[in-house]
């Protein structure tokens, strides 16, 4: 089976490696996005998928925009693939491109479609406090994650899990489900099933501003936000005109004093850093970070600052 693989970030790596290691699959080329500047030194860094392609000596082609690159169509036709596989590529494909493979183009999506169509399904599932999500293998069409479904699997979301942790699980399970599905799809044994578009929800790209903490919201809601924004962009609040990153939290059992203003520190001793939130709820801070410093536990944060009970976060 001749396969062209399109993907970019770390999430796509398990699917690519699983395809490469399957003796029934010949990954004839990888298509990914250009190298980007990253880190403090702004060094030009290749996408994780490119690193894997080069390790296995698979031809790798990089496009800023497939839509604006007619040569991408020429390339795809010359490769003569049986099927193309897309995993977190980061660009919407035009019909002329995704219909070139003899069996079309399939996608690994990190949600149970039609729920959470878009760029950040795992983050939105956690942000909304969902107890489960999953992965879907679908055929690509011209819409945003609107294609027919080939296979899917539901997975639980533990209440302490962050987006980064969830994406690791979904990436691995998505790779396994892809390989369970691809052969049956190409042979015709798996029949695509249309999505119920009336139930669709969206998961747009996360913005940095989404990480801002509003202490008037309940502790449950803020705990979900902290988890959802980890690893990017990180939740944050202001204390003494300094932006503090909030990386890990827990909801304190019971209820606090509803007369205490949201954002007020109600305990700051030992490893106990408790903050009043909306409706009298209380959030426990477990891991925080000051600017230009490393992430630390609540205990180390308290030891390194003069934070005390009664102080107020904004």
Foldseek 3Di string as FASTA:
>chain_A
DEEEEAAFAPLQVLLVVLQVPDPVYDHQEYEAAAFFQDDPVRDGGGTPVVVVCVVVVHHYHHDNAPVPDPVLLVVLLVSQAQEYEYEHRPYQDAPSRQPNHVLGYKYKDWFDPLEAFENQRLLVCLLVPHQKTWIWIFGDDRDRPQGFTQDIDMDTDDNFAASVRSSVVRSNVSSVVCVVGVVCSSVVVTDTHGGPVVPHDHDYDDDLVLQEDDQQDAQSNNQSSLRSCPPPPAHWWDAPNFIKGQRGKDWDPDFADQVDDGQFFAAQDAQFTWTAGHPRTIMTGAWMDTPPGDIDGSRVVSVVDVDGGGGGID
